[in-house]
Amino acid sequence: MTHARTEPTDQEPDIRARPPLVREFLLVAGLFLAYKLGRRAANGHVEEAFRNAGNVWDLERTLRLPGEGAVQDLLLHSQTLIHAANTYYAAVHFPATALFLVWLYWRRPRHYLWSRRVLAALTAAALVLHLLFPLAPPRMFPAAGMVDTGQVYGPTVYGQTPATDSMANQFAAMPSLHVGWAVMVAVGLIAATRSRWRGLWLLHPALTLLVVVGTANHYWLDAIVAVALLAVAFAVFRLPVPGGAVVSGGGTVSGGPVVSGGGADAPPALGSSAGAPDAPPAAEAAPVRIPGPELVPEPTPQPVPEPAPTGAAR
């Protein structure tokens, strides 16, 4: 099987794959509004949220995961560092994801549709978990022994009374959408760009993980569950390639040119039949020789020359 390079080329985006702008804006805004209303509907489950926090904390210790406090201790060595972590938590999550979707919409429409579907599925699954499994974050759980860095050092996006916070559901720690969305942004940009440095986009989810844990807003398990849900969404929604093909888990495709993880603008695979001139007809096959005893032909008798006359007539 012949594989093509995985990077999209610098071609113009396929505008036929770009959905109407107004429709997309209303759709994304509607999904976001439904998510916010759903989170607020899960408010008030205080006793259950703290009981679940104890279960999560005990499970992490059983699994021998490192304590979240070790990460916070590193940040607390510098007030500037902890303030920067709080700012990253409060100010990067939504804008980074929005810019990611906007860029894909204009430059990689096929990747945009795929990314929007994955993000919508991940967010919907997270909302269900928020409703079924309210969870108090480490900054509220006394056994964690951690500092609410947002309230102490600022800035913070949460109110001081979690049970009556009308702006956000503070008991929706499981799963961490900060981590889930950050991983999606990194994977989406790696798939849609061709720079040799595109792997550096993974620094965004790595930094987000350290921030959400170090600021005591999430447990390690919150991030693990978010990545697991994202993996399921990746399995359900396959990345499309030109020609209607779909990238499978093994790097092959069905229903289109053969590529290896190519983006929306990837060229047809080298050696594929897409766009190639008709090949000349194959040469006629040689007759098959059946093995058997060799037949030696009998020698053909040669004529014997007559002797020359002994005497010549005078």
C-alpha atoms as a PDB file:
ATOM      1  CA  MET A   1       0.000   0.000   0.000  1.00  0.00           C
ATOM      2  CA  THR A   2       1.295   3.418  -0.915  1.00  0.00           C
ATOM      3  CA  HIS A   3       0.994   6.254   1.619  1.00  0.00           C
ATOM      4  CA  ALA A   4       0.960   9.970   1.001  1.00  0.00           C
ATOM      5  CA  ARG A   5       2.433  12.621   3.249  1.00  0.00           C
ATOM      6  CA  THR A   6       0.212  13.554   6.153  1.00  0.00           C
ATOM      7  CA  GLU A   7       0.407  17.355   5.953  1.00  0.00           C
ATOM      8  CA  PRO A   8      -2.230  19.377   4.136  1.00  0.00           C
ATOM      9  CA  THR A   9      -0.901  21.431   1.275  1.00  0.00           C
ATOM     10  CA  ASP A  10      -1.133  25.207   1.089  1.00  0.00           C
ATOM     11  CA  GLN A  11      -4.122  25.108  -1.215  1.00  0.00           C
ATOM     12  CA  GLU A  12      -7.161  27.297  -0.892  1.00  0.00           C
ATOM     13  CA  PRO A  13      -9.834  25.848   1.411  1.00  0.00           C
ATOM     14  CA  ASP A  14     -12.643  23.876  -0.172  1.00  0.00           C
ATOM     15  CA  ILE A  15     -15.490  26.366   0.174  1.00  0.00           C
ATOM     16  CA  ARG A  16     -17.992  23.677  -0.785  1.00  0.00           C
ATOM     17  CA  ALA A  17     -17.334  22.010   2.570  1.00  0.00           C
ATOM     18  CA  ARG A  18     -17.843  25.249   4.520  1.00  0.00           C
ATOM     19  CA  PRO A  19     -21.313  25.392   6.141  1.00  0.00           C
ATOM     20  CA  PRO A  20     -23.297  28.672   6.203  1.00  0.00           C
ATOM     21  CA  LEU A  21     -21.799  31.110   8.688  1.00  0.00           C
ATOM     22  CA  VAL A  22     -25.063  32.278  10.291  1.00  0.00           C
ATOM     23  CA  ARG A  23     -26.249  28.720  10.775  1.00  0.00           C
ATOM     24  CA  GLU A  24     -22.983  27.703  12.398  1.00  0.00           C
ATOM     25  CA  PHE A  25     -22.968  30.729  14.684  1.00  0.00           C
ATOM     26  CA  LEU A  26     -26.502  30.003  15.872  1.00  0.00           C
ATOM     27  CA  LEU A  27     -25.720  26.317  16.296  1.00  0.00           C
ATOM     28  CA  VAL A  28     -22.565  26.831  18.355  1.00  0.00           C
ATOM     29  CA  ALA A  29     -24.207  29.579  20.422  1.00  0.00           C
ATOM     30  CA  GLY A  30     -27.215  27.337  21.069  1.00  0.00           C
ATOM     31  CA  LEU A  31     -25.029  24.439  22.162  1.00  0.00           C
ATOM     32  CA  PHE A  32     -23.062  26.693  24.492  1.00  0.00           C
ATOM     33  CA  LEU A  33     -26.243  28.135  26.013  1.00  0.00           C
ATOM     34  CA  ALA A  34     -27.695  24.657  26.553  1.00  0.00           C
ATOM     35  CA  TYR A  35     -24.484  23.602  28.267  1.00  0.00           C
ATOM     36  CA  LYS A  36     -24.448  26.602  30.596  1.00  0.00           C
ATOM     37  CA  LEU A  37     -28.111  26.098  31.531  1.00  0.00           C
ATOM     38  CA  GLY A  38     -27.481  22.416  32.122  1.00  0.00           C
ATOM     39  CA  ARG A  39     -24.570  23.129  34.448  1.00  0.00           C
ATOM     40  CA  ARG A  40     -26.656  25.558  36.446  1.00  0.00           C
ATOM     41  CA  ALA A  41     -29.419  22.946  36.717  1.00  0.00           C
ATOM     42  CA  ALA A  42     -26.934  20.701  38.508  1.00  0.00           C
ATOM     43  CA  ASN A  43     -26.285  23.274  41.240  1.00  0.00           C
ATOM     44  CA  GLY A  44     -27.222  22.613  44.842  1.00  0.00           C
ATOM     45  CA  HIS A  45     -26.151  18.967  45.258  1.00  0.00           C
ATOM     46  CA  VAL A  46     -23.728  19.889  48.023  1.00  0.00           C
ATOM     47  CA  GLU A  47     -23.771  16.736  50.160  1.00  0.00           C
ATOM     48  CA  GLU A  48     -23.536  14.417  47.156  1.00  0.00           C
ATOM     49  CA  ALA A  49     -20.723  16.505  45.652  1.00  0.00           C
ATOM     50  CA  PHE A  50     -18.590  16.213  48.795  1.00  0.00           C
ATOM     51  CA  ARG A  51     -19.355  12.510  49.169  1.00  0.00           C
ATOM     52  CA  ASN A  52     -18.214  11.948  45.603  1.00  0.00           C
ATOM     53  CA  ALA A  53     -15.089  14.001  46.291  1.00  0.00           C
ATOM     54  CA  GLY A  54     -14.170  11.602  49.090  1.00  0.00           C
ATOM     55  CA  ASN A  55     -14.669   8.634  46.768  1.00  0.00           C
ATOM     56  CA  VAL A  56     -12.519  10.184  44.035  1.00  0.00           C
ATOM     57  CA  TRP A  57      -9.791  11.078  46.518  1.00  0.00           C
ATOM     58  CA  ASP A  58      -9.710   7.526  47.914  1.00  0.00           C
ATOM     59  CA  LEU A  59      -9.660   6.013  44.415  1.00  0.00           C
ATOM     60  CA  GLU A  60      -6.705   8.173  43.398  1.00  0.00           C
ATOM     61  CA  ARG A  61      -4.774   7.042  46.453  1.00  0.00           C
ATOM     62  CA  THR A  62      -5.652   3.417  45.674  1.00  0.00           C
ATOM     63  CA  LEU A  63      -4.346   3.920  42.133  1.00  0.00           C
ATOM     64  CA  ARG A  64      -1.228   5.557  43.626  1.00  0.00           C
ATOM     65  CA  LEU A  65      -1.663   8.728  41.613  1.00  0.00           C
ATOM     66  CA  PRO A  66       0.538  11.625  42.775  1.00  0.00           C
ATOM     67  CA  GLY A  67      -1.085  14.099  45.129  1.00  0.00           C
ATOM     68  CA  GLU A  68      -2.486  17.233  43.522  1.00  0.00           C
ATOM     69  CA  GLY A  69      -0.863  19.257  46.315  1.00  0.00           C
ATOM     70  CA  ALA A  70       2.612  18.543  44.929  1.00  0.00           C
ATOM     71  CA  VAL A  71       1.791  20.532  41.783  1.00  0.00           C
ATOM     72  CA  GLN A  72       0.310  23.392  43.776  1.00  0.00           C
ATOM     73  CA  ASP A  73       3.397  23.563  45.972  1.00  0.00           C
ATOM     74  CA  LEU A  74       5.488  24.275  42.878  1.00  0.00           C
ATOM     75  CA  LEU A  75       3.224  27.156  41.868  1.00  0.00           C
ATOM     76  CA  LEU A  76       3.059  28.635  45.351  1.00  0.00           C
ATOM     77  CA  HIS A  77       6.801  29.292  45.334  1.00  0.00           C
ATOM     78  CA  SER A  78       6.074  32.448  43.325  1.00  0.00           C
ATOM     79  CA  GLN A  79       3.098  34.771  43.639  1.00  0.00           C
ATOM     80  CA  THR A  80       3.644  35.835  40.031  1.00  0.00           C
ATOM     81  CA  LEU A  81       3.538  32.217  38.913  1.00  0.00           C
ATOM     82  CA  ILE A  82       0.336  31.389  40.759  1.00  0.00           C
ATOM     83  CA  HIS A  83      -1.292  34.568  39.486  1.00  0.00           C
ATOM     84  CA  ALA A  84      -0.318  33.607  35.931  1.00  0.00           C
ATOM     85  CA  ALA A  85      -1.802  30.130  36.468  1.00  0.00           C
ATOM     86  CA  ASN A  86      -5.090  31.628  37.700  1.00  0.00           C
ATOM     87  CA  THR A  87      -5.175  33.951  34.691  1.00  0.00           C
ATOM     88  CA  TYR A  88      -4.532  31.071  32.306  1.00  0.00           C
ATOM     89  CA  TYR A  89      -7.377  29.096  33.886  1.00  0.00           C
ATOM     90  CA  ALA A  90      -9.801  32.003  33.699  1.00  0.00           C
ATOM     91  CA  ALA A  91      -8.872  33.638  30.386  1.00  0.00           C
ATOM     92  CA  VAL A  92      -7.552  31.000  27.949  1.00  0.00           C
ATOM     93  CA  HIS A  93     -10.124  28.194  28.016  1.00  0.00           C
ATOM     94  CA  PHE A  94     -12.988  29.717  26.001  1.00  0.00           C
ATOM     95  CA  PRO A  95     -11.054  32.170  23.772  1.00  0.00           C
ATOM     96  CA  ALA A  96      -8.553  29.540  22.639  1.00  0.00           C
ATOM     97  CA  THR A  97     -11.307  27.116  21.673  1.00  0.00           C
ATOM     98  CA  ALA A  98     -13.307  29.834  19.898  1.00  0.00           C
ATOM     99  CA  LEU A  99     -10.278  31.013  17.888  1.00  0.00           C
ATOM    100  CA  PHE A 100      -9.512  27.400  17.006  1.00  0.00           C
ATOM    101  CA  LEU A 101     -12.995  26.905  15.546  1.00  0.00           C
ATOM    102  CA  VAL A 102     -12.961  30.225  13.697  1.00  0.00           C
ATOM    103  CA  TRP A 103      -9.597  29.484  12.061  1.00  0.00           C
ATOM    104  CA  LEU A 104     -10.709  26.010  11.013  1.00  0.00           C
ATOM    105  CA  TYR A 105     -13.955  27.391   9.604  1.00  0.00           C
ATOM    106  CA  TRP A 106     -12.083  29.710   7.216  1.00  0.00           C
ATOM    107  CA  ARG A 107      -8.966  27.706   6.453  1.00  0.00           C
ATOM    108  CA  ARG A 108      -9.883  24.012   6.905  1.00  0.00           C
ATOM    109  CA  PRO A 109     -13.672  23.622   6.531  1.00  0.00           C
ATOM    110  CA  ARG A 110     -13.581  19.828   6.568  1.00  0.00           C
ATOM    111  CA  HIS A 111     -11.544  19.821   9.760  1.00  0.00           C
ATOM    112  CA  TYR A 112     -13.947  22.381  11.215  1.00  0.00           C
ATOM    113  CA  LEU A 113     -16.957  20.100  10.761  1.00  0.00           C
ATOM    114  CA  TRP A 114     -15.101  17.195  12.303  1.00  0.00           C
ATOM    115  CA  SER A 115     -13.813  19.256  15.252  1.00  0.00           C
ATOM    116  CA  ARG A 116     -17.207  20.826  15.925  1.00  0.00           C
ATOM    117  CA  ARG A 117     -18.853  17.412  16.064  1.00  0.00           C
ATOM    118  CA  VAL A 118     -16.199  16.009  18.391  1.00  0.00           C
ATOM    119  CA  LEU A 119     -16.396  19.026  20.713  1.00  0.00           C
ATOM    120  CA  ALA A 120     -20.195  18.883  20.785  1.00  0.00           C
ATOM    121  CA  ALA A 121     -20.168  15.176  21.636  1.00  0.00           C
ATOM    122  CA  LEU A 122     -17.540  15.654  24.347  1.00  0.00           C
ATOM    123  CA  THR A 123     -19.406  18.572  25.896  1.00  0.00           C
ATOM    124  CA  ALA A 124     -22.734  16.729  25.853  1.00  0.00           C
ATOM    125  CA  ALA A 125     -21.189  13.706  27.556  1.00  0.00           C
ATOM    126  CA  ALA A 126     -19.577  15.987  30.144  1.00  0.00           C
ATOM    127  CA  LEU A 127     -22.928  17.626  30.877  1.00  0.00           C
ATOM    128  CA  VAL A 128     -24.494  14.223  31.534  1.00  0.00           C
ATOM    129  CA  LEU A 129     -21.701  13.388  33.976  1.00  0.00           C
ATOM    130  CA  HIS A 130     -22.094  16.769  35.703  1.00  0.00           C
ATOM    131  CA  LEU A 131     -25.750  15.966  36.287  1.00  0.00           C
ATOM    132  CA  LEU A 132     -25.204  12.363  37.390  1.00  0.00           C
ATOM    133  CA  PHE A 133     -21.979  12.805  39.337  1.00  0.00           C
ATOM    134  CA  PRO A 134     -21.667  16.206  41.042  1.00  0.00           C
ATOM    135  CA  LEU A 135     -18.157  16.603  42.403  1.00  0.00           C
ATOM    136  CA  ALA A 136     -16.586  19.170  44.709  1.00  0.00           C
ATOM    137  CA  PRO A 137     -13.144  20.248  43.414  1.00  0.00           C
ATOM    138  CA  PRO A 138      -9.983  19.863  45.532  1.00  0.00           C
ATOM    139  CA  ARG A 139     -10.065  23.532  46.623  1.00  0.00           C
ATOM    140  CA  MET A 140     -13.299  22.754  48.511  1.00  0.00           C
ATOM    141  CA  PHE A 141     -12.349  19.330  49.826  1.00  0.00           C
ATOM    142  CA  PRO A 142     -10.660  19.581  53.236  1.00  0.00           C
ATOM    143  CA  ALA A 143      -8.831  16.241  52.937  1.00  0.00           C
ATOM    144  CA  ALA A 144      -6.911  17.552  49.910  1.00  0.00           C
ATOM    145  CA  GLY A 145      -5.357  20.331  52.026  1.00  0.00           C
ATOM    146  CA  MET A 146      -5.114  22.681  49.064  1.00  0.00           C
ATOM    147  CA  VAL A 147      -5.490  26.455  48.697  1.00  0.00           C
ATOM    148  CA  ASP A 148      -8.208  28.097  46.616  1.00  0.00           C
ATOM    149  CA  THR A 149      -5.659  30.090  44.641  1.00  0.00           C
ATOM    150  CA  GLY A 150      -8.326  31.990  42.719  1.00  0.00           C
ATOM    151  CA  GLN A 151      -9.869  33.446  45.867  1.00  0.00           C
ATOM    152  CA  VAL A 152      -6.534  34.068  47.612  1.00  0.00           C
ATOM    153  CA  TYR A 153      -4.379  35.398  44.775  1.00  0.00           C
ATOM    154  CA  GLY A 154      -6.877  36.122  41.966  1.00  0.00           C
ATOM    155  CA  PRO A 155      -8.243  36.305  39.430  1.00  0.00           C
ATOM    156  CA  THR A 156     -11.145  33.907  39.837  1.00  0.00           C
ATOM    157  CA  VAL A 157     -14.244  33.062  37.818  1.00  0.00           C
ATOM    158  CA  TYR A 158     -16.201  31.641  40.758  1.00  0.00           C
ATOM    159  CA  GLY A 159     -18.221  33.212  43.544  1.00  0.00           C
ATOM    160  CA  GLN A 160     -17.350  32.823  47.197  1.00  0.00           C
ATOM    161  CA  THR A 161     -20.515  30.820  47.964  1.00  0.00           C
ATOM    162  CA  PRO A 162     -20.485  27.763  45.672  1.00  0.00           C
ATOM    163  CA  ALA A 163     -23.961  26.536  46.568  1.00  0.00           C
ATOM    164  CA  THR A 164     -25.585  29.777  45.371  1.00  0.00           C
ATOM    165  CA  ASP A 165     -23.204  30.710  42.555  1.00  0.00           C
ATOM    166  CA  SER A 166     -25.504  31.806  39.727  1.00  0.00           C
ATOM    167  CA  MET A 167     -22.686  32.179  37.174  1.00  0.00           C
ATOM    168  CA  ALA A 168     -21.235  28.664  37.228  1.00  0.00           C
ATOM    169  CA  ASN A 169     -21.684  25.226  38.721  1.00  0.00           C
ATOM    170  CA  GLN A 170     -18.725  24.755  41.025  1.00  0.00           C
ATOM    171  CA  PHE A 171     -19.637  21.119  41.636  1.00  0.00           C
ATOM    172  CA  ALA A 172     -19.029  20.132  37.988  1.00  0.00           C
ATOM    173  CA  ALA A 173     -15.406  19.056  38.325  1.00  0.00           C
ATOM    174  CA  MET A 174     -15.838  15.670  36.626  1.00  0.00           C
ATOM    175  CA  PRO A 175     -14.760  15.632  33.812  1.00  0.00           C
ATOM    176  CA  SER A 176     -12.432  18.561  33.195  1.00  0.00           C
ATOM    177  CA  LEU A 177     -13.547  20.306  30.021  1.00  0.00           C
ATOM    178  CA  HIS A 178     -10.553  22.605  30.371  1.00  0.00           C
ATOM    179  CA  VAL A 179      -8.362  19.583  29.650  1.00  0.00           C
ATOM    180  CA  GLY A 180     -10.730  17.964  27.137  1.00  0.00           C
ATOM    181  CA  TRP A 181     -11.092  21.082  25.006  1.00  0.00           C
ATOM    182  CA  ALA A 182      -7.364  21.805  25.187  1.00  0.00           C
ATOM    183  CA  VAL A 183      -6.531  18.313  23.917  1.00  0.00           C
ATOM    184  CA  MET A 184      -9.043  18.740  21.084  1.00  0.00           C
ATOM    185  CA  VAL A 185      -7.498  22.076  20.088  1.00  0.00           C
ATOM    186  CA  ALA A 186      -4.026  20.531  19.978  1.00  0.00           C
ATOM    187  CA  VAL A 187      -5.085  17.432  18.041  1.00  0.00           C
ATOM    188  CA  GLY A 188      -7.181  19.489  15.619  1.00  0.00           C
ATOM    189  CA  LEU A 189      -4.349  21.889  14.837  1.00  0.00           C
ATOM    190  CA  ILE A 190      -1.838  19.073  14.416  1.00  0.00           C
ATOM    191  CA  ALA A 191      -4.182  17.364  11.954  1.00  0.00           C
ATOM    192  CA  ALA A 192      -4.967  20.557  10.024  1.00  0.00           C
ATOM    193  CA  THR A 193      -1.506  22.135   9.707  1.00  0.00           C
ATOM    194  CA  ARG A 194       1.688  21.113   7.972  1.00  0.00           C
ATOM    195  CA  SER A 195       4.422  22.805  10.004  1.00  0.00           C
ATOM    196  CA  ARG A 196       7.186  20.567  11.289  1.00  0.00           C
ATOM    197  CA  TRP A 197       6.677  22.290  14.667  1.00  0.00           C
ATOM    198  CA  ARG A 198       2.981  21.512  14.924  1.00  0.00           C
ATOM    199  CA  GLY A 199       3.653  18.990  17.689  1.00  0.00           C
ATOM    200  CA  LEU A 200       4.284  21.962  19.982  1.00  0.00           C
ATOM    201  CA  TRP A 201       0.513  22.469  20.130  1.00  0.00           C
ATOM    202  CA  LEU A 202       0.544  19.666  22.708  1.00  0.00           C
ATOM    203  CA  LEU A 203       2.048  22.155  25.135  1.00  0.00           C
ATOM    204  CA  HIS A 204      -1.411  23.728  25.444  1.00  0.00           C
ATOM    205  CA  PRO A 205      -3.109  20.674  27.014  1.00  0.00           C
ATOM    206  CA  ALA A 206       0.005  19.896  29.066  1.00  0.00           C
ATOM    207  CA  LEU A 207       0.061  23.403  30.517  1.00  0.00           C
ATOM    208  CA  THR A 208      -3.714  23.323  31.021  1.00  0.00           C
ATOM    209  CA  LEU A 209      -3.413  20.095  33.018  1.00  0.00           C
ATOM    210  CA  LEU A 210      -0.792  21.599  35.330  1.00  0.00           C
ATOM    211  CA  VAL A 211      -2.898  24.738  35.756  1.00  0.00           C
ATOM    212  CA  VAL A 212      -6.205  23.025  36.591  1.00  0.00           C
ATOM    213  CA  VAL A 213      -4.507  20.725  39.094  1.00  0.00           C
ATOM    214  CA  GLY A 214      -2.187  23.343  40.585  1.00  0.00           C
ATOM    215  CA  THR A 215      -5.019  25.819  41.151  1.00  0.00           C
ATOM    216  CA  ALA A 216      -7.013  23.073  42.925  1.00  0.00           C
ATOM    217  CA  ASN A 217      -9.870  23.183  40.440  1.00  0.00           C
ATOM    218  CA  HIS A 218      -9.610  19.560  39.291  1.00  0.00           C
ATOM    219  CA  TYR A 219      -8.381  16.129  40.304  1.00  0.00           C
ATOM    220  CA  TRP A 220      -6.159  13.982  38.117  1.00  0.00           C
ATOM    221  CA  LEU A 221      -9.135  11.692  37.454  1.00  0.00           C
ATOM    222  CA  ASP A 222     -11.131  14.621  36.050  1.00  0.00           C
ATOM    223  CA  ALA A 223      -8.544  14.983  33.299  1.00  0.00           C
ATOM    224  CA  ILE A 224      -8.272  11.224  32.712  1.00  0.00           C
ATOM    225  CA  VAL A 225     -12.030  10.875  32.253  1.00  0.00           C
ATOM    226  CA  ALA A 226     -12.098  13.862  29.869  1.00  0.00           C
ATOM    227  CA  VAL A 227      -9.412  12.322  27.651  1.00  0.00           C
ATOM    228  CA  ALA A 228     -11.226   8.962  27.705  1.00  0.00           C
ATOM    229  CA  LEU A 229     -14.460  10.603  26.547  1.00  0.00           C
ATOM    230  CA  LEU A 230     -12.546  12.429  23.827  1.00  0.00           C
ATOM    231  CA  ALA A 231     -11.047   9.155  22.630  1.00  0.00           C
ATOM    232  CA  VAL A 232     -14.548   7.709  22.272  1.00  0.00           C
ATOM    233  CA  ALA A 233     -15.615  10.774  20.275  1.00  0.00           C
ATOM    234  CA  PHE A 234     -12.591  10.337  17.990  1.00  0.00           C
ATOM    235  CA  ALA A 235     -13.638   6.732  17.376  1.00  0.00           C
ATOM    236  CA  VAL A 236     -17.196   7.761  16.503  1.00  0.00           C
ATOM    237  CA  PHE A 237     -16.412  10.792  14.342  1.00  0.00           C
ATOM    238  CA  ARG A 238     -13.712   9.979  11.810  1.00  0.00           C
ATOM    239  CA  LEU A 239     -11.594  12.681  10.185  1.00  0.00           C
ATOM    240  CA  PRO A 240     -12.766  13.156   6.546  1.00  0.00           C
ATOM    241  CA  VAL A 241     -10.382  13.448   3.620  1.00  0.00           C
ATOM    242  CA  PRO A 242     -11.010  14.535   0.008  1.00  0.00           C
ATOM    243  CA  GLY A 243     -13.231  12.296  -2.046  1.00  0.00           C
ATOM    244  CA  GLY A 244     -15.502  11.372   0.844  1.00  0.00           C
ATOM    245  CA  ALA A 245     -13.035   8.963   2.386  1.00  0.00           C
ATOM    246  CA  VAL A 246     -12.745   8.557   6.114  1.00  0.00           C
ATOM    247  CA  VAL A 247      -9.564   7.973   8.056  1.00  0.00           C
ATOM    248  CA  SER A 248      -9.729   4.736   9.998  1.00  0.00           C
ATOM    249  CA  GLY A 249      -7.915   3.927  13.186  1.00  0.00           C
ATOM    250  CA  GLY A 250      -5.157   2.047  11.377  1.00  0.00           C
ATOM    251  CA  GLY A 251      -4.185   4.942   9.112  1.00  0.00           C
ATOM    252  CA  THR A 252      -5.986   3.561   6.046  1.00  0.00           C
ATOM    253  CA  VAL A 253      -9.067   4.896   4.390  1.00  0.00           C
ATOM    254  CA  SER A 254     -12.207   3.577   2.799  1.00  0.00           C
ATOM    255  CA  GLY A 255     -14.134   5.048  -0.072  1.00  0.00           C
ATOM    256  CA  GLY A 256     -11.409   7.318  -1.449  1.00  0.00           C
ATOM    257  CA  PRO A 257      -7.724   7.828  -2.154  1.00  0.00           C
ATOM    258  CA  VAL A 258      -5.278   6.029   0.101  1.00  0.00           C
ATOM    259  CA  VAL A 259      -3.712   8.399   2.600  1.00  0.00           C
ATOM    260  CA  SER A 260      -2.037   8.118   5.954  1.00  0.00           C
ATOM    261  CA  GLY A 261      -3.722  10.475   8.405  1.00  0.00           C
ATOM    262  CA  GLY A 262      -3.898  13.274   5.826  1.00  0.00           C
ATOM    263  CA  GLY A 263      -5.743  16.502   6.364  1.00  0.00           C
ATOM    264  CA  ALA A 264      -8.616  17.975   4.472  1.00  0.00           C
ATOM    265  CA  ASP A 265      -6.399  19.406   1.750  1.00  0.00           C
ATOM    266  CA  ALA A 266      -4.074  16.445   1.396  1.00  0.00           C
ATOM    267  CA  PRO A 267      -3.220  15.458  -2.183  1.00  0.00           C
ATOM    268  CA  PRO A 268      -4.087  12.031  -3.568  1.00  0.00           C
ATOM    269  CA  ALA A 269      -1.716   9.290  -2.535  1.00  0.00           C
ATOM    270  CA  LEU A 270       1.260   8.639  -4.718  1.00  0.00           C
ATOM    271  CA  GLY A 271       0.677   5.580  -6.805  1.00  0.00           C
ATOM    272  CA  SER A 272      -3.105   5.808  -6.476  1.00  0.00           C
ATOM    273  CA  SER A 273      -5.421   5.765  -9.468  1.00  0.00           C
ATOM    274  CA  ALA A 274      -6.940   9.167  -8.666  1.00  0.00           C
ATOM    275  CA  GLY A 275      -6.303  11.489 -11.590  1.00  0.00           C
ATOM    276  CA  ALA A 276      -3.747   9.143 -13.200  1.00  0.00           C
ATOM    277  CA  PRO A 277      -3.805   8.422 -16.974  1.00  0.00           C
ATOM    278  CA  ASP A 278      -4.930   5.019 -18.150  1.00  0.00           C
ATOM    279  CA  ALA A 279      -2.133   2.505 -17.887  1.00  0.00           C
ATOM    280  CA  PRO A 280      -1.089   0.656 -21.080  1.00  0.00           C
ATOM    281  CA  PRO A 281      -2.530  -2.842 -21.454  1.00  0.00           C
ATOM    282  CA  ALA A 282      -0.450  -5.558 -19.920  1.00  0.00           C
ATOM    283  CA  ALA A 283       1.696  -7.688 -22.223  1.00  0.00           C
ATOM    284  CA  GLU A 284       0.197 -10.978 -23.362  1.00  0.00           C
ATOM    285  CA  ALA A 285       1.138 -13.711 -20.967  1.00  0.00           C
ATOM    286  CA  ALA A 286       3.603 -16.334 -22.146  1.00  0.00           C
ATOM    287  CA  PRO A 287       2.250 -19.873 -22.637  1.00  0.00           C
ATOM    288  CA  VAL A 288       2.596 -22.091 -19.631  1.00  0.00           C
ATOM    289  CA  ARG A 289       5.061 -24.914 -20.098  1.00  0.00           C
ATOM    290  CA  ILE A 290       4.066 -28.221 -18.521  1.00  0.00           C
ATOM    291  CA  PRO A 291       7.073 -30.134 -17.242  1.00  0.00           C
ATOM    292  CA  GLY A 292       7.644 -33.604 -18.740  1.00  0.00           C
ATOM    293  CA  PRO A 293      10.274 -35.766 -20.387  1.00  0.00           C
ATOM    294  CA  GLU A 294      12.327 -34.029 -22.982  1.00  0.00           C
ATOM    295  CA  LEU A 295      11.697 -35.380 -26.518  1.00  0.00           C
ATOM    296  CA  VAL A 296      14.848 -35.418 -28.658  1.00  0.00           C
ATOM    297  CA  PRO A 297      13.985 -35.195 -32.362  1.00  0.00           C
ATOM    298  CA  GLU A 298      15.508 -37.828 -34.646  1.00  0.00           C
ATOM    299  CA  PRO A 299      18.310 -36.530 -36.911  1.00  0.00           C
ATOM    300  CA  THR A 300      17.289 -35.808 -40.452  1.00  0.00           C
ATOM    301  CA  PRO A 301      19.211 -38.042 -42.930  1.00  0.00           C
ATOM    302  CA  GLN A 302      21.636 -36.052 -45.007  1.00  0.00           C
ATOM    303  CA  PRO A 303      22.098 -36.864 -48.770  1.00  0.00           C
ATOM    304  CA  VAL A 304      25.403 -38.650 -49.611  1.00  0.00           C
ATOM    305  CA  PRO A 305      27.286 -36.843 -52.411  1.00  0.00           C
ATOM    306  CA  GLU A 306      28.028 -38.986 -55.535  1.00  0.00           C
ATOM    307  CA  PRO A 307      31.744 -39.629 -56.399  1.00  0.00           C
ATOM    308  CA  ALA A 308      33.226 -37.606 -59.227  1.00  0.00           C
ATOM    309  CA  PRO A 309      33.846 -39.487 -62.567  1.00  0.00           C
ATOM    310  CA  THR A 310      37.362 -40.976 -62.835  1.00  0.00           C
ATOM    311  CA  GLY A 311      37.934 -40.234 -66.451  1.00  0.00           C
ATOM    312  CA  ALA A 312      37.190 -37.188 -68.384  1.00  0.00           C
ATOM    313  CA  ALA A 313      36.098 -37.357 -71.989  1.00  0.00           C
ATOM    314  CA  ARG A 314      38.602 -35.998 -74.275  1.00  0.00           C
END
